[in-house]
Amino acid sequence: MKKPEASETQPASELITNKIAELGDWRGATLGRMRKLVQEADPDVVETWKWMGTPVWEHDGIICTGESYKKVVKLTFAKGASLQDPAHLFNSSLDGNVRRAIDIHEGEEIDASAFRALILEAIALNVSAKSKSSKKTKA
């Protein structure tokens, strides 16, 4: 019988906490700070763990993912192309039709209030899309 992997037995929030600790450098601190901002914006956010180790924040659909690379922490918004970004936080994946991302390099700070506003806008978009699809299924 195959032993279950850690990701099958641990809650996603615990896996994300462990990933932040394992990074142990500026990337862990940055990912932890951004996680806290997501949770401040939406205390009901659901943390999931997908695609072989990617933290994902959801509310009626994916809000964003948090990936860490050697030189950047990347927050990819699933429907970022549909979001207003008056503070111009999106600086990566700008050519796509759906996603947009924020790349954070070592030493960079993100405008916390603008980021929380982006999270709330992504949630509103997810909620409205879910509402529209449930109305279609009832019709």
N, C-alpha and C. Protein backbone atom coordinates (compact mmCIF):
# COMPACT_ATOMS: atom_id res chain seq x y z
N MET A 1 0.84 -1.18 0.00
CA MET A 1 0.00 0.00 0.00
C MET A 1 0.88 1.24 0.00
N LYS A 2 0.52 2.20 -0.85
CA LYS A 2 1.29 3.43 -0.99
C LYS A 2 1.05 4.35 0.21
N LYS A 3 2.15 4.90 0.76
CA LYS A 3 2.05 5.85 1.87
C LYS A 3 1.54 7.19 1.34
N PRO A 4 0.60 7.83 2.04
CA PRO A 4 0.14 9.14 1.58
C PRO A 4 1.26 10.17 1.70
N GLU A 5 1.34 11.06 0.71
CA GLU A 5 2.34 12.12 0.77
C GLU A 5 1.89 13.17 1.78
N ALA A 6 2.85 13.99 2.22
CA ALA A 6 2.55 15.02 3.22
C ALA A 6 1.40 15.90 2.77
N SER A 7 1.39 16.24 1.47
CA SER A 7 0.35 17.14 0.98
C SER A 7 -1.04 16.52 1.03
N GLU A 8 -1.11 15.19 1.12
CA GLU A 8 -2.40 14.52 1.20
C GLU A 8 -2.92 14.47 2.64
N THR A 9 -2.04 14.65 3.62
CA THR A 9 -2.44 14.51 5.02
C THR A 9 -2.42 15.82 5.79
N GLN A 10 -1.68 16.81 5.34
CA GLN A 10 -1.58 18.08 6.05
C GLN A 10 -2.54 19.11 5.46
N PRO A 11 -3.11 19.96 6.29
CA PRO A 11 -3.94 21.05 5.75
C PRO A 11 -3.08 21.99 4.90
N ALA A 12 -3.72 22.59 3.89
CA ALA A 12 -3.01 23.50 2.99
C ALA A 12 -2.35 24.64 3.76
N SER A 13 -3.04 25.19 4.76
CA SER A 13 -2.47 26.30 5.51
C SER A 13 -1.15 25.91 6.18
N GLU A 14 -1.08 24.68 6.65
CA GLU A 14 0.15 24.19 7.28
C GLU A 14 1.25 24.02 6.23
N LEU A 15 0.89 23.51 5.07
CA LEU A 15 1.88 23.34 3.99
C LEU A 15 2.43 24.69 3.55
N ILE A 16 1.58 25.69 3.48
CA ILE A 16 2.02 27.03 3.10
C ILE A 16 2.95 27.61 4.16
N THR A 17 2.58 27.45 5.42
CA THR A 17 3.44 27.90 6.53
C THR A 17 4.81 27.23 6.44
N ASN A 18 4.82 25.92 6.18
CA ASN A 18 6.07 25.18 6.07
C ASN A 18 6.91 25.68 4.89
N LYS A 19 6.25 25.94 3.76
CA LYS A 19 6.97 26.43 2.58
C LYS A 19 7.64 27.77 2.88
N ILE A 20 6.90 28.66 3.53
CA ILE A 20 7.46 29.97 3.89
C ILE A 20 8.68 29.79 4.79
N ALA A 21 8.58 28.89 5.76
CA ALA A 21 9.71 28.63 6.67
C ALA A 21 10.89 28.00 5.94
N GLU A 22 10.60 27.06 5.04
CA GLU A 22 11.67 26.38 4.29
C GLU A 22 12.44 27.34 3.40
N LEU A 23 11.76 28.33 2.83
CA LEU A 23 12.46 29.30 1.98
C LEU A 23 13.51 30.04 2.81
N GLY A 24 13.12 30.43 4.03
CA GLY A 24 14.06 30.95 5.00
C GLY A 24 14.83 32.20 4.64
N ASP A 25 14.52 32.84 3.54
CA ASP A 25 15.24 34.06 3.17
C ASP A 25 14.22 35.14 2.83
N TRP A 26 14.61 36.12 2.05
CA TRP A 26 13.72 37.22 1.69
C TRP A 26 12.46 36.72 0.99
N ARG A 27 12.59 35.60 0.24
CA ARG A 27 11.42 35.07 -0.47
C ARG A 27 10.37 34.56 0.51
N GLY A 28 10.80 33.90 1.56
CA GLY A 28 9.86 33.43 2.59
C GLY A 28 9.20 34.59 3.30
N ALA A 29 10.00 35.60 3.64
CA ALA A 29 9.46 36.78 4.31
C ALA A 29 8.46 37.50 3.40
N THR A 30 8.77 37.60 2.12
CA THR A 30 7.88 38.27 1.17
C THR A 30 6.60 37.48 0.98
N LEU A 31 6.72 36.17 0.78
CA LEU A 31 5.53 35.34 0.61
C LEU A 31 4.65 35.39 1.86
N GLY A 32 5.28 35.38 3.02
CA GLY A 32 4.54 35.48 4.28
C GLY A 32 3.82 36.81 4.43
N ARG A 33 4.49 37.89 4.04
CA ARG A 33 3.88 39.22 4.11
C ARG A 33 2.69 39.32 3.16
N MET A 34 2.83 38.78 1.95
CA MET A 34 1.74 38.85 0.98
C MET A 34 0.58 37.96 1.42
N ARG A 35 0.89 36.83 2.00
CA ARG A 35 -0.16 35.95 2.55
C ARG A 35 -0.97 36.70 3.60
N LYS A 36 -0.28 37.41 4.47
CA LYS A 36 -0.95 38.16 5.53
C LYS A 36 -1.86 39.24 4.95
N LEU A 37 -1.41 39.90 3.88
CA LEU A 37 -2.24 40.92 3.24
C LEU A 37 -3.49 40.31 2.61
N VAL A 38 -3.34 39.13 2.01
CA VAL A 38 -4.51 38.43 1.45
C VAL A 38 -5.51 38.13 2.57
N GLN A 39 -5.00 37.62 3.68
CA GLN A 39 -5.87 37.27 4.80
C GLN A 39 -6.51 38.50 5.44
N GLU A 40 -5.80 39.62 5.47
CA GLU A 40 -6.37 40.86 5.99
C GLU A 40 -7.50 41.34 5.09
N ALA A 41 -7.30 41.25 3.78
CA ALA A 41 -8.31 41.68 2.83
C ALA A 41 -9.55 40.81 2.90
N ASP A 42 -9.35 39.50 3.09
CA ASP A 42 -10.46 38.56 3.13
C ASP A 42 -10.24 37.53 4.22
N PRO A 43 -10.76 37.78 5.41
CA PRO A 43 -10.59 36.82 6.51
C PRO A 43 -11.20 35.44 6.19
N ASP A 44 -12.09 35.36 5.19
CA ASP A 44 -12.71 34.09 4.82
C ASP A 44 -12.00 33.40 3.66
N VAL A 45 -10.83 33.91 3.27
CA VAL A 45 -10.11 33.31 2.15
C VAL A 45 -9.81 31.83 2.47
N VAL A 46 -9.84 31.02 1.43
CA VAL A 46 -9.53 29.59 1.56
C VAL A 46 -8.15 29.37 0.96
N GLU A 47 -7.27 28.78 1.76
CA GLU A 47 -5.93 28.46 1.26
C GLU A 47 -5.94 27.02 0.75
N THR A 48 -5.40 26.85 -0.45
CA THR A 48 -5.26 25.51 -1.02
C THR A 48 -3.83 25.32 -1.48
N TRP A 49 -3.51 24.10 -1.80
CA TRP A 49 -2.15 23.71 -2.17
C TRP A 49 -2.28 22.92 -3.46
N LYS A 50 -1.80 23.47 -4.56
CA LYS A 50 -2.01 22.84 -5.87
C LYS A 50 -0.72 22.75 -6.66
N TRP A 51 -0.81 22.02 -7.73
CA TRP A 51 0.25 21.95 -8.73
C TRP A 51 1.62 21.69 -8.12
N MET A 52 1.69 20.62 -7.34
CA MET A 52 2.95 20.16 -6.74
C MET A 52 3.65 21.23 -5.90
N GLY A 53 2.89 21.93 -5.07
CA GLY A 53 3.52 22.81 -4.11
C GLY A 53 3.33 24.30 -4.33
N THR A 54 2.21 24.69 -4.87
CA THR A 54 1.93 26.12 -5.07
C THR A 54 0.83 26.57 -4.12
N PRO A 55 1.12 27.55 -3.27
CA PRO A 55 0.06 28.13 -2.44
C PRO A 55 -0.96 28.85 -3.32
N VAL A 56 -2.23 28.62 -3.01
CA VAL A 56 -3.31 29.23 -3.78
C VAL A 56 -4.32 29.81 -2.80
N TRP A 57 -4.78 31.03 -3.08
CA TRP A 57 -5.81 31.66 -2.26
C TRP A 57 -7.08 31.74 -3.08
N GLU A 58 -8.19 31.28 -2.49
CA GLU A 58 -9.45 31.18 -3.21
C GLU A 58 -10.61 31.80 -2.43
N HIS A 59 -11.55 32.32 -3.17
CA HIS A 59 -12.85 32.76 -2.65
C HIS A 59 -13.79 32.74 -3.84
N ASP A 60 -14.66 31.74 -3.88
CA ASP A 60 -15.54 31.51 -5.03
C ASP A 60 -14.75 31.38 -6.32
N GLY A 61 -13.59 30.78 -6.23
CA GLY A 61 -12.67 30.61 -7.36
C GLY A 61 -11.30 31.09 -6.95
N ILE A 62 -10.34 30.87 -7.82
CA ILE A 62 -8.96 31.27 -7.51
C ILE A 62 -8.84 32.79 -7.56
N ILE A 63 -8.23 33.34 -6.50
CA ILE A 63 -7.88 34.75 -6.46
C ILE A 63 -6.48 34.89 -7.07
N CYS A 64 -5.52 34.25 -6.38
CA CYS A 64 -4.14 34.31 -6.88
C CYS A 64 -3.33 33.14 -6.32
N THR A 65 -2.19 32.93 -6.95
CA THR A 65 -1.24 31.93 -6.49
C THR A 65 0.01 32.66 -6.01
N GLY A 66 0.80 31.99 -5.19
CA GLY A 66 2.05 32.56 -4.71
C GLY A 66 3.20 31.63 -5.00
N GLU A 67 3.98 31.97 -5.99
CA GLU A 67 5.12 31.12 -6.37
C GLU A 67 6.42 31.80 -5.97
N SER A 68 7.41 30.98 -5.67
CA SER A 68 8.72 31.55 -5.34
C SER A 68 9.76 30.96 -6.28
N TYR A 69 10.55 31.83 -6.83
CA TYR A 69 11.64 31.47 -7.73
C TYR A 69 12.93 32.02 -7.15
N LYS A 70 14.02 31.75 -7.79
CA LYS A 70 15.33 32.16 -7.27
C LYS A 70 15.41 33.68 -7.06
N LYS A 71 14.90 34.46 -8.02
CA LYS A 71 15.07 35.91 -7.96
C LYS A 71 13.77 36.68 -7.81
N VAL A 72 12.63 35.96 -7.63
CA VAL A 72 11.36 36.67 -7.58
C VAL A 72 10.31 35.85 -6.83
N VAL A 73 9.43 36.57 -6.16
CA VAL A 73 8.19 35.98 -5.64
C VAL A 73 7.11 36.49 -6.58
N LYS A 74 6.35 35.56 -7.15
CA LYS A 74 5.35 35.90 -8.16
C LYS A 74 3.96 35.61 -7.63
N LEU A 75 3.10 36.62 -7.68
CA LEU A 75 1.69 36.48 -7.32
C LEU A 75 0.90 36.59 -8.60
N THR A 76 0.33 35.47 -9.03
CA THR A 76 -0.40 35.42 -10.29
C THR A 76 -1.89 35.44 -10.01
N PHE A 77 -2.58 36.43 -10.55
CA PHE A 77 -4.02 36.57 -10.39
C PHE A 77 -4.70 35.85 -11.55
N ALA A 78 -5.56 34.90 -11.21
CA ALA A 78 -6.19 34.05 -12.21
C ALA A 78 -6.96 34.83 -13.26
N LYS A 79 -7.63 35.91 -12.85
CA LYS A 79 -8.42 36.73 -13.78
C LYS A 79 -7.90 38.17 -13.80
N GLY A 80 -6.59 38.30 -13.66
CA GLY A 80 -5.98 39.62 -13.53
C GLY A 80 -6.23 40.57 -14.68
N ALA A 81 -6.37 40.03 -15.90
CA ALA A 81 -6.60 40.90 -17.06
C ALA A 81 -7.95 41.61 -16.97
N SER A 82 -8.85 41.10 -16.16
CA SER A 82 -10.17 41.71 -16.00
C SER A 82 -10.24 42.69 -14.83
N LEU A 83 -9.15 42.85 -14.12
CA LEU A 83 -9.14 43.72 -12.94
C LEU A 83 -8.58 45.10 -13.27
N GLN A 84 -9.13 46.10 -12.60
CA GLN A 84 -8.56 47.44 -12.68
C GLN A 84 -7.29 47.42 -11.82
N ASP A 85 -6.30 48.13 -12.22
CA ASP A 85 -5.04 48.17 -11.47
C ASP A 85 -4.52 49.61 -11.44
N PRO A 86 -5.25 50.51 -10.75
CA PRO A 86 -4.86 51.92 -10.78
C PRO A 86 -3.47 52.18 -10.19
N ALA A 87 -3.01 51.32 -9.29
CA ALA A 87 -1.68 51.51 -8.69
C ALA A 87 -0.58 50.86 -9.52
N HIS A 88 -0.96 50.20 -10.62
CA HIS A 88 -0.02 49.55 -11.52
C HIS A 88 0.86 48.53 -10.80
N LEU A 89 0.22 47.68 -10.00
CA LEU A 89 0.95 46.63 -9.31
C LEU A 89 1.36 45.52 -10.28
N PHE A 90 0.51 45.23 -11.26
CA PHE A 90 0.84 44.17 -12.21
C PHE A 90 2.05 44.60 -13.04
N ASN A 91 3.07 43.74 -13.04
CA ASN A 91 4.29 44.05 -13.78
C ASN A 91 4.82 42.84 -14.55
N SER A 92 3.99 41.80 -14.64
CA SER A 92 4.42 40.57 -15.32
C SER A 92 3.20 39.90 -15.95
N SER A 93 3.44 39.10 -16.98
CA SER A 93 2.37 38.39 -17.70
C SER A 93 1.34 39.39 -18.23
N LEU A 94 1.80 40.51 -18.71
CA LEU A 94 0.91 41.58 -19.15
C LEU A 94 0.31 41.35 -20.54
N ASP A 95 0.87 40.42 -21.29
CA ASP A 95 0.41 40.18 -22.66
C ASP A 95 -0.71 39.16 -22.74
N GLY A 96 -0.98 38.44 -21.67
CA GLY A 96 -2.00 37.40 -21.70
C GLY A 96 -3.40 37.96 -21.69
N ASN A 97 -4.34 37.13 -22.08
CA ASN A 97 -5.74 37.54 -22.13
C ASN A 97 -6.47 37.33 -20.81
N VAL A 98 -5.88 36.57 -19.89
CA VAL A 98 -6.59 36.21 -18.66
C VAL A 98 -5.79 36.59 -17.42
N ARG A 99 -4.61 36.04 -17.27
CA ARG A 99 -3.84 36.23 -16.04
C ARG A 99 -2.98 37.49 -16.08
N ARG A 100 -2.67 37.97 -14.88
CA ARG A 100 -1.70 39.04 -14.67
C ARG A 100 -0.93 38.67 -13.41
N ALA A 101 0.31 39.14 -13.32
CA ALA A 101 1.13 38.78 -12.16
C ALA A 101 1.87 40.00 -11.61
N ILE A 102 2.24 39.85 -10.36
CA ILE A 102 3.08 40.83 -9.68
C ILE A 102 4.36 40.10 -9.32
N ASP A 103 5.47 40.54 -9.88
CA ASP A 103 6.78 40.00 -9.53
C ASP A 103 7.40 40.91 -8.48
N ILE A 104 7.80 40.31 -7.38
CA ILE A 104 8.43 41.07 -6.30
C ILE A 104 9.87 40.58 -6.17
N HIS A 105 10.81 41.50 -6.35
CA HIS A 105 12.23 41.18 -6.24
C HIS A 105 12.71 41.51 -4.83
N GLU A 106 13.86 40.99 -4.49
CA GLU A 106 14.43 41.23 -3.17
C GLU A 106 14.52 42.73 -2.89
N GLY A 107 14.04 43.13 -1.72
CA GLY A 107 14.11 44.52 -1.30
C GLY A 107 12.94 45.37 -1.76
N GLU A 108 12.09 44.85 -2.64
CA GLU A 108 10.94 45.62 -3.11
C GLU A 108 9.78 45.53 -2.12
N GLU A 109 9.05 46.61 -2.01
CA GLU A 109 7.85 46.65 -1.19
C GLU A 109 6.66 46.88 -2.10
N ILE A 110 5.54 46.30 -1.76
CA ILE A 110 4.29 46.48 -2.50
C ILE A 110 3.37 47.36 -1.67
N ASP A 111 2.66 48.26 -2.32
CA ASP A 111 1.69 49.12 -1.65
C ASP A 111 0.60 48.22 -1.06
N ALA A 112 0.58 48.10 0.25
CA ALA A 112 -0.31 47.17 0.94
C ALA A 112 -1.79 47.48 0.68
N SER A 113 -2.17 48.74 0.75
CA SER A 113 -3.59 49.06 0.56
C SER A 113 -4.01 48.81 -0.88
N ALA A 114 -3.15 49.10 -1.85
CA ALA A 114 -3.46 48.83 -3.25
C ALA A 114 -3.56 47.32 -3.50
N PHE A 115 -2.71 46.54 -2.84
CA PHE A 115 -2.75 45.09 -3.00
C PHE A 115 -4.04 44.52 -2.40
N ARG A 116 -4.41 44.99 -1.21
CA ARG A 116 -5.66 44.52 -0.60
C ARG A 116 -6.86 44.88 -1.48
N ALA A 117 -6.83 46.07 -2.08
CA ALA A 117 -7.92 46.48 -2.98
C ALA A 117 -7.99 45.55 -4.19
N LEU A 118 -6.84 45.14 -4.70
CA LEU A 118 -6.81 44.22 -5.84
C LEU A 118 -7.39 42.86 -5.45
N ILE A 119 -7.08 42.40 -4.25
CA ILE A 119 -7.64 41.14 -3.74
C ILE A 119 -9.16 41.24 -3.66
N LEU A 120 -9.65 42.34 -3.11
CA LEU A 120 -11.11 42.52 -2.98
C LEU A 120 -11.79 42.59 -4.35
N GLU A 121 -11.13 43.22 -5.30
CA GLU A 121 -11.69 43.30 -6.64
C GLU A 121 -11.73 41.91 -7.30
N ALA A 122 -10.67 41.12 -7.08
CA ALA A 122 -10.65 39.76 -7.64
C ALA A 122 -11.77 38.91 -7.03
N ILE A 123 -12.01 39.08 -5.75
CA ILE A 123 -13.09 38.34 -5.08
C ILE A 123 -14.44 38.77 -5.67
N ALA A 124 -14.64 40.07 -5.82
CA ALA A 124 -15.91 40.56 -6.38
C ALA A 124 -16.14 39.99 -7.78
N LEU A 125 -15.08 39.91 -8.57
CA LEU A 125 -15.19 39.34 -9.91
C LEU A 125 -15.57 37.85 -9.83
N ASN A 126 -14.94 37.12 -8.93
CA ASN A 126 -15.28 35.70 -8.76
C ASN A 126 -16.73 35.52 -8.33
N VAL A 127 -17.17 36.34 -7.38
CA VAL A 127 -18.54 36.24 -6.86
C VAL A 127 -19.54 36.56 -7.97
N SER A 128 -19.26 37.62 -8.75
CA SER A 128 -20.20 37.98 -9.82
C SER A 128 -20.23 36.91 -10.90
N ALA A 129 -19.09 36.32 -11.22
CA ALA A 129 -19.06 35.25 -12.22
C ALA A 129 -19.82 34.03 -11.73
N LYS A 130 -19.67 33.72 -10.45
CA LYS A 130 -20.39 32.58 -9.88
C LYS A 130 -21.89 32.85 -9.88
N SER A 131 -22.27 34.07 -9.56
CA SER A 131 -23.68 34.45 -9.54
C SER A 131 -24.29 34.34 -10.94
N LYS A 132 -23.56 34.80 -11.94
CA LYS A 132 -24.04 34.72 -13.32
C LYS A 132 -24.19 33.27 -13.78
N SER A 133 -23.21 32.43 -13.43
CA SER A 133 -23.28 31.02 -13.86
C SER A 133 -24.40 30.28 -13.14
N SER A 134 -24.68 30.62 -11.88
CA SER A 134 -25.78 29.93 -11.18
C SER A 134 -27.12 30.38 -11.73
N LYS A 135 -27.22 31.63 -12.20
CA LYS A 135 -28.48 32.08 -12.82
C LYS A 135 -28.71 31.36 -14.13
N LYS A 136 -27.63 31.09 -14.89
CA LYS A 136 -27.76 30.38 -16.16
C LYS A 136 -28.24 28.94 -15.93
N THR A 137 -27.73 28.28 -14.89
CA THR A 137 -28.11 26.88 -14.64
C THR A 137 -29.55 26.77 -14.15
N LYS A 138 -30.06 27.84 -13.53
CA LYS A 138 -31.44 27.83 -13.07
C LYS A 138 -32.43 28.10 -14.21
N ALA A 139 -31.95 28.76 -15.25
CA ALA A 139 -32.84 29.14 -16.36
C ALA A 139 -33.18 27.96 -17.24
